[in-house]
Protein backbone atom coordinates (compact mmCIF):
# COMPACT_ATOMS: atom_id res chain seq x y z
CA MET A 1 13.49 -2.22 -3.62
CA ALA A 2 11.89 -3.90 -0.66
CA ASP A 3 12.43 -7.58 -0.17
CA LYS A 4 9.67 -9.78 -1.53
CA LEU A 5 7.69 -12.12 0.62
CA THR A 6 7.76 -15.83 -0.15
CA GLU A 7 5.40 -18.59 0.87
CA GLY A 8 8.01 -19.75 3.35
CA ASN A 9 7.83 -16.53 5.34
CA LEU A 10 4.18 -15.57 4.89
CA ARG A 11 2.58 -15.03 8.29
CA ILE A 12 -1.21 -15.07 8.21
CA TRP A 13 -3.54 -14.80 11.19
CA LYS A 14 -7.19 -15.19 11.98
CA HIS A 15 -8.53 -12.32 14.07
CA SER A 16 -12.07 -12.24 15.39
CA HIS A 17 -14.15 -9.40 16.77
CA GLY A 18 -16.73 -11.78 18.19
CA ARG A 19 -20.37 -11.06 18.82
CA LYS A 20 -20.07 -11.66 22.57
CA ASP A 21 -17.30 -9.13 23.14
CA PHE A 22 -18.29 -6.39 20.69
CA THR A 23 -21.41 -4.40 20.01
CA ASN A 24 -22.16 -3.45 16.41
CA GLN A 25 -21.08 0.10 17.27
CA GLN A 26 -17.75 -1.09 18.68
CA ARG A 27 -17.07 -3.25 15.63
CA GLY A 28 -17.96 -0.32 13.39
CA ASP A 29 -15.60 1.94 15.29
CA CYS A 30 -12.74 -0.56 14.85
CA ARG A 31 -13.41 -0.76 11.12
CA LYS A 32 -13.54 3.02 10.84
CA ARG A 33 -10.20 3.38 12.62
CA SER A 34 -8.70 0.34 10.84
CA VAL A 35 -7.66 -1.44 14.04
CA VAL A 36 -7.84 -4.99 15.32
CA THR A 37 -8.07 -5.35 19.06
CA ILE A 38 -8.01 -8.00 21.78
CA HIS A 39 -8.12 -8.17 25.56
CA ARG A 40 -4.53 -8.49 26.67
CA LYS A 41 -5.37 -11.51 28.87
CA THR A 42 -7.35 -13.49 26.29
CA LYS A 43 -6.96 -17.15 27.18
CA LYS A 44 -4.98 -19.98 25.58
CA GLY A 45 -2.07 -17.67 24.82
CA GLN A 46 -4.00 -15.66 22.26
CA GLY A 47 -3.56 -12.34 24.05
CA ILE A 48 0.16 -13.04 24.37
CA ALA A 49 0.41 -14.03 20.70
CA PHE A 50 -1.27 -10.80 19.62
CA ARG A 51 1.04 -8.74 21.83
CA THR A 52 4.36 -10.51 21.26
CA GLU A 53 4.21 -12.63 18.09
CA MET A 54 2.08 -10.65 15.66
CA SER A 55 4.14 -7.95 13.96
CA ILE A 56 4.08 -5.25 11.31
CA GLY A 57 3.76 -6.82 7.86
CA ASP A 58 1.80 -9.88 9.02
CA PHE A 59 -1.40 -10.63 7.10
CA PHE A 60 -4.73 -11.42 8.72
CA TYR A 61 -8.36 -11.92 7.92
CA LEU A 62 -11.05 -10.38 10.08
CA THR A 63 -14.11 -12.35 11.07
CA HIS A 64 -17.13 -11.67 13.25
CA GLY A 65 -18.09 -15.07 14.54
CA ASN A 66 -18.53 -17.25 11.46
CA ASN A 67 -18.75 -14.34 9.03
CA VAL A 68 -15.62 -13.25 7.14
CA HIS A 69 -15.23 -9.50 6.46
CA LEU A 70 -11.83 -8.40 5.14
CA PHE A 71 -8.22 -9.32 4.49
CA GLY A 72 -5.53 -6.92 5.64
CA GLN A 73 -1.97 -6.37 6.76
CA ILE A 74 -0.78 -5.16 10.16
CA SER A 75 0.76 -1.71 9.87
CA SER A 76 1.61 -0.58 13.40
CA ALA A 77 3.20 -1.60 16.64
CA LEU A 78 1.09 -2.54 19.63
CA SER A 79 -0.79 0.23 21.46
CA ASN A 80 -3.37 0.48 24.21
CA SER A 81 -7.00 0.45 23.15
CA ARG A 82 -9.74 2.82 24.21
CA ARG A 83 -11.19 -0.06 26.24
CA ALA A 84 -9.50 -0.74 29.57
CA GLY A 85 -7.39 -3.88 29.45
CA TRP A 86 -7.48 -4.10 25.67
CA VAL A 87 -4.67 -3.57 23.16
CA GLU A 88 -4.79 -2.93 19.43
CA ARG A 89 -2.85 -2.77 16.17
CA GLU A 90 -3.59 -0.70 13.08
CA TYR A 91 -3.91 -2.29 9.65
CA VAL A 92 -4.31 -1.52 5.96
CA THR A 93 -7.07 -3.25 4.03
CA ILE A 94 -5.91 -5.35 1.10
CA ARG A 95 -9.27 -6.77 0.06
CA THR A 96 -12.81 -6.55 1.31
CA LEU A 97 -15.22 -9.45 0.85
CA GLN A 98 -15.51 -10.41 -2.83
CA ARG A 99 -18.77 -12.34 -2.56
CA ARG A 100 -22.26 -11.68 -1.27
CA SER A 101 -22.04 -13.79 1.86
CA GLY A 102 -19.17 -13.99 4.32
CA HIS A 103 -20.53 -17.18 5.88
CA PHE A 104 -17.85 -19.87 6.20
CA SER A 105 -18.73 -23.57 6.06
CA GLY A 106 -15.30 -25.14 5.63
CA SER A 107 -12.93 -26.92 8.02
CA ARG A 108 -13.10 -26.51 11.77
CA LYS A 109 -9.56 -25.60 12.73
CA GLY A 110 -8.13 -23.13 15.23
CA TRP A 111 -7.56 -20.56 12.49
CA THR A 112 -10.91 -20.92 10.72
CA PRO A 113 -14.07 -18.91 11.49
CA ARG A 114 -15.90 -22.01 12.71
CA PHE A 115 -13.52 -22.44 15.64
CA ASN A 116 -14.09 -20.48 18.85
CA SER A 117 -10.84 -18.50 18.78
CA THR A 118 -9.82 -14.86 18.67
CA CYS A 119 -6.25 -14.69 17.40
CA LYS A 120 -4.63 -17.70 15.74
CA LYS A 121 -1.78 -17.93 13.25
CA VAL A 122 -2.26 -20.21 10.26
CA PRO A 123 0.42 -22.95 10.43
CA GLU A 124 2.84 -22.85 7.50
CA LEU A 125 1.88 -26.39 6.50
CA GLU A 126 -1.77 -25.32 6.23
CA LEU A 127 -1.30 -22.19 4.13
CA LYS A 128 -2.42 -24.01 0.98
CA LEU A 129 -5.60 -25.07 2.76
CA PHE A 130 -6.11 -21.48 3.89
CA GLU A 131 -5.76 -20.36 0.28
CA LYS A 132 -8.26 -22.97 -0.90
CA GLN A 133 -10.91 -22.40 1.76
CA LEU A 134 -10.58 -18.69 2.61
CA LEU A 135 -8.11 -16.56 0.68
CA PHE A 136 -9.37 -17.33 -2.82
CA PRO A 137 -13.10 -18.01 -2.21
CA PHE A 138 -13.66 -14.91 -0.08
CA PHE A 139 -11.06 -12.45 -1.39
CA GLY A 140 -10.08 -13.67 -4.86
CA LEU A 141 -6.40 -13.78 -3.88
CA ARG A 142 -3.70 -16.43 -4.14
CA LEU A 143 -0.65 -16.87 -1.94
CA ARG A 144 1.48 -15.85 -4.91
CA ASP A 145 -0.35 -12.50 -4.96
CA LEU A 146 0.73 -11.86 -1.38
CA GLU A 147 4.29 -12.78 -2.30
CA GLN A 148 4.31 -9.90 -4.78
CA LEU A 149 3.70 -7.35 -2.05
CA PRO A 150 6.78 -5.50 -0.76
CA ASN A 151 7.88 -6.44 2.72
CA GLU A 152 7.67 -2.76 3.61
CA LEU A 153 4.47 -1.06 4.68
CA ALA A 154 3.02 2.26 3.82
CA ARG A 155 -0.11 3.32 5.60
CA SER A 156 -2.95 4.33 3.34
CA ASN A 157 -3.95 7.35 5.39
CA GLU A 158 -4.92 10.56 3.61
CA LEU A 159 -1.80 12.30 2.32
CA GLU A 160 -0.70 15.15 4.55
CA GLU A 161 1.10 18.32 3.61
CA ARG A 162 4.20 19.01 5.65
CA VAL A 163 6.46 22.02 5.95
CA SER A 164 9.93 21.82 4.42
CA ALA A 165 12.73 24.26 3.75
CA PHE A 166 11.92 24.35 0.04
CA GLY A 167 8.98 26.56 -0.83
CA GLY A 168 7.34 25.84 2.50
CA LYS A 169 5.78 22.61 1.20
CA SER A 170 6.72 18.99 0.88
CA TYR A 171 4.59 15.96 0.32
CA GLU A 172 4.47 12.30 1.20
CA GLU A 173 4.53 10.28 -1.99
CA GLY A 174 4.91 6.67 -2.96
CA LEU A 175 2.33 5.46 -0.45
CA LYS A 176 1.36 2.02 -1.60
CA ARG A 177 -2.17 0.75 -1.32
CA LEU A 178 -1.55 -2.85 -0.47
CA ARG A 179 -3.54 -4.43 -3.24
CA TRP A 180 -2.35 -7.49 -5.14
CA HIS A 181 -1.39 -5.36 -8.13
CA GLU A 182 0.75 -3.06 -5.97
CA ALA A 183 -0.46 0.13 -7.59
CA PRO A 184 1.55 3.05 -6.15
CA GLU A 185 -0.54 6.01 -5.03
CA ARG A 186 0.64 9.24 -6.65
CA ASN A 187 0.11 12.52 -4.86
CA THR A 188 -1.58 14.70 -7.46
CA ARG A 189 -1.02 17.83 -5.36
CA LEU A 190 2.74 17.39 -5.62
CA VAL A 191 2.58 16.87 -9.40
CA SER A 192 0.32 19.90 -9.82
CA ALA A 193 2.62 22.06 -7.69
CA ALA A 194 5.65 20.94 -9.70
CA LYS A 195 3.96 21.74 -13.03
CA ASN A 196 2.90 25.18 -11.83
CA ALA A 197 6.41 26.00 -10.57
CA PHE A 198 7.95 24.83 -13.87
CA LYS A 199 5.53 26.98 -15.88
CA ARG A 200 6.21 30.05 -13.74
CA LYS A 201 9.94 29.61 -14.26
CA HIS A 202 9.91 28.87 -18.00
CA GLY A 203 6.65 30.43 -19.16
CA LYS A 204 5.39 27.12 -20.59
CA LEU A 205 5.47 23.35 -20.14
CA PHE A 206 7.86 21.30 -22.25
CA CYS A 207 9.85 18.08 -22.09
CA GLU A 208 13.14 18.51 -20.26
CA VAL A 209 14.70 15.82 -22.45
CA CYS A 210 13.62 16.59 -26.03
CA ASP A 211 11.98 20.05 -25.57
CA PHE A 212 8.66 18.82 -26.99
CA ASP A 213 5.82 21.29 -26.28
CA PHE A 214 2.35 19.72 -26.36
CA SER A 215 0.63 23.10 -26.57
CA ALA A 216 2.72 24.24 -29.53
CA ARG A 217 2.11 20.96 -31.38
CA TYR A 218 -1.54 20.25 -30.54
CA GLY A 219 -2.91 23.69 -29.71
CA LYS A 220 -5.72 23.89 -27.13
CA ARG A 221 -5.87 20.10 -26.85
CA GLY A 222 -2.28 19.98 -25.61
CA LYS A 223 -2.46 23.03 -23.37
CA GLY A 224 -1.25 22.29 -19.83
CA TYR A 225 -0.30 18.70 -20.61
CA ILE A 226 3.01 17.18 -19.57
CA GLU A 227 4.01 14.10 -17.59
CA ALA A 228 5.86 14.20 -14.28
CA HIS A 229 8.88 11.92 -13.92
CA HIS A 230 10.10 10.95 -10.46
CA LEU A 231 13.86 11.31 -10.36
CA VAL A 232 13.81 8.56 -7.74
CA PRO A 233 11.50 5.76 -8.97
CA ILE A 234 8.28 5.41 -6.98
CA SER A 235 9.06 1.73 -6.42
CA GLN A 236 12.13 2.73 -4.39
CA LEU A 237 10.29 5.15 -2.10
CA THR A 238 9.06 4.35 1.38
CA ALA A 239 6.08 5.71 3.25
CA ALA A 240 8.36 8.11 5.10
CA THR A 241 10.07 9.53 1.99
CA MET A 242 9.48 13.27 1.79
CA LEU A 243 9.53 14.73 -1.71
CA THR A 244 9.46 18.29 -3.00
CA ILE A 245 8.86 19.59 -6.50
CA LYS A 246 12.62 19.46 -7.08
CA ASP A 247 12.28 15.67 -7.14
CA LEU A 248 10.13 15.76 -10.29
CA ALA A 249 11.04 16.44 -13.92
CA MET A 250 8.68 17.41 -16.75
CA VAL A 251 8.84 14.98 -19.68
CA CYS A 252 6.81 13.89 -22.72
CA ALA A 253 5.30 10.42 -22.87
CA ASN A 254 7.96 9.03 -25.24
CA CYS A 255 10.88 10.22 -23.15
CA HIS A 256 9.13 9.05 -20.00
CA ARG A 257 8.95 5.53 -21.42
CA MET A 258 12.59 5.64 -22.45
CA LEU A 259 13.67 6.80 -18.99
CA HIS A 260 12.04 3.68 -17.52
CA GLN A 261 13.00 1.28 -20.30
CA PRO A 262 14.49 -2.00 -18.95
CA PRO A 263 16.89 -3.22 -17.81
CA ARG A 264 17.17 -0.12 -15.59
CA CYS A 265 16.06 3.50 -15.35
CA ILE A 266 18.46 6.13 -16.63
CA THR A 267 18.87 9.80 -15.82
CA ILE A 268 17.54 12.80 -17.73
CA LYS A 269 21.11 13.75 -18.62
CA LYS A 270 21.91 10.34 -20.09
CA LEU A 271 18.75 10.29 -22.18
CA ARG A 272 19.57 13.76 -23.55
CA VAL A 273 22.93 12.39 -24.69
CA LEU A 274 21.20 9.52 -26.51
CA LEU A 275 19.16 12.04 -28.51
CA GLN A 276 22.31 13.62 -29.91
CA PRO A 277 23.85 12.41 -33.18
CA PRO A 278 26.47 9.71 -32.53
CA SER A 279 29.23 12.04 -33.64
CA ASP A 280 28.29 14.57 -30.94
CA ARG A 281 28.08 12.14 -28.01
């Protein structure tokens, strides 16, 4: 599992795509590409901070002048922008604005929208104030929600098929949309491919632990139904993990729950043993 963030190591920035430096089209292009950008020589050390201090995993909120737009997390190293002299970083969106107006009327500090700044880190001692004036009112999030996010990023780009030695296909799985509830994004194409391969091999779908067949038990209502169990838990995958259909097992809902029952996941083989009479184990 990835290390968890704590309030002591949360790094949160203000980043502004101001009205003077960006046209509406340029701001729209940045939003479409999910990038934040700055001129590399922005004054008062802000260009340097963006280039050398900001890093993958840092949080930020995006503002246009005094209007707040989104809260995100930096997901890439520094790269050159399309605009000469500018640099940029990619991000994943955690929350968009959760209220009608993004207008900010709170404190005037270097990291707030009311201050004329482009890239400023929120001081650790002022994180609670940031939560009170920005994070919760505009995005409905608490610092503790950010602490639940893994300190390991997965970009939320569209899943791409890649060639592998097994069956010509492999898939990226376990991409995490960085929301406060940390819902893992399952690749339905991988699950569908695994089910189809299993059915071709065995002629039907059934639980690999207890042999339960939904179609045989429920008729048409159960036809084609089975759950896919990741032999490596999704929570332990990274964005770069490449899975094939061999990494999935077909199981019924009951056995699936038992495989994941705390305090730790167990293997298909071990759960099969538990189904046997005690004298046969």
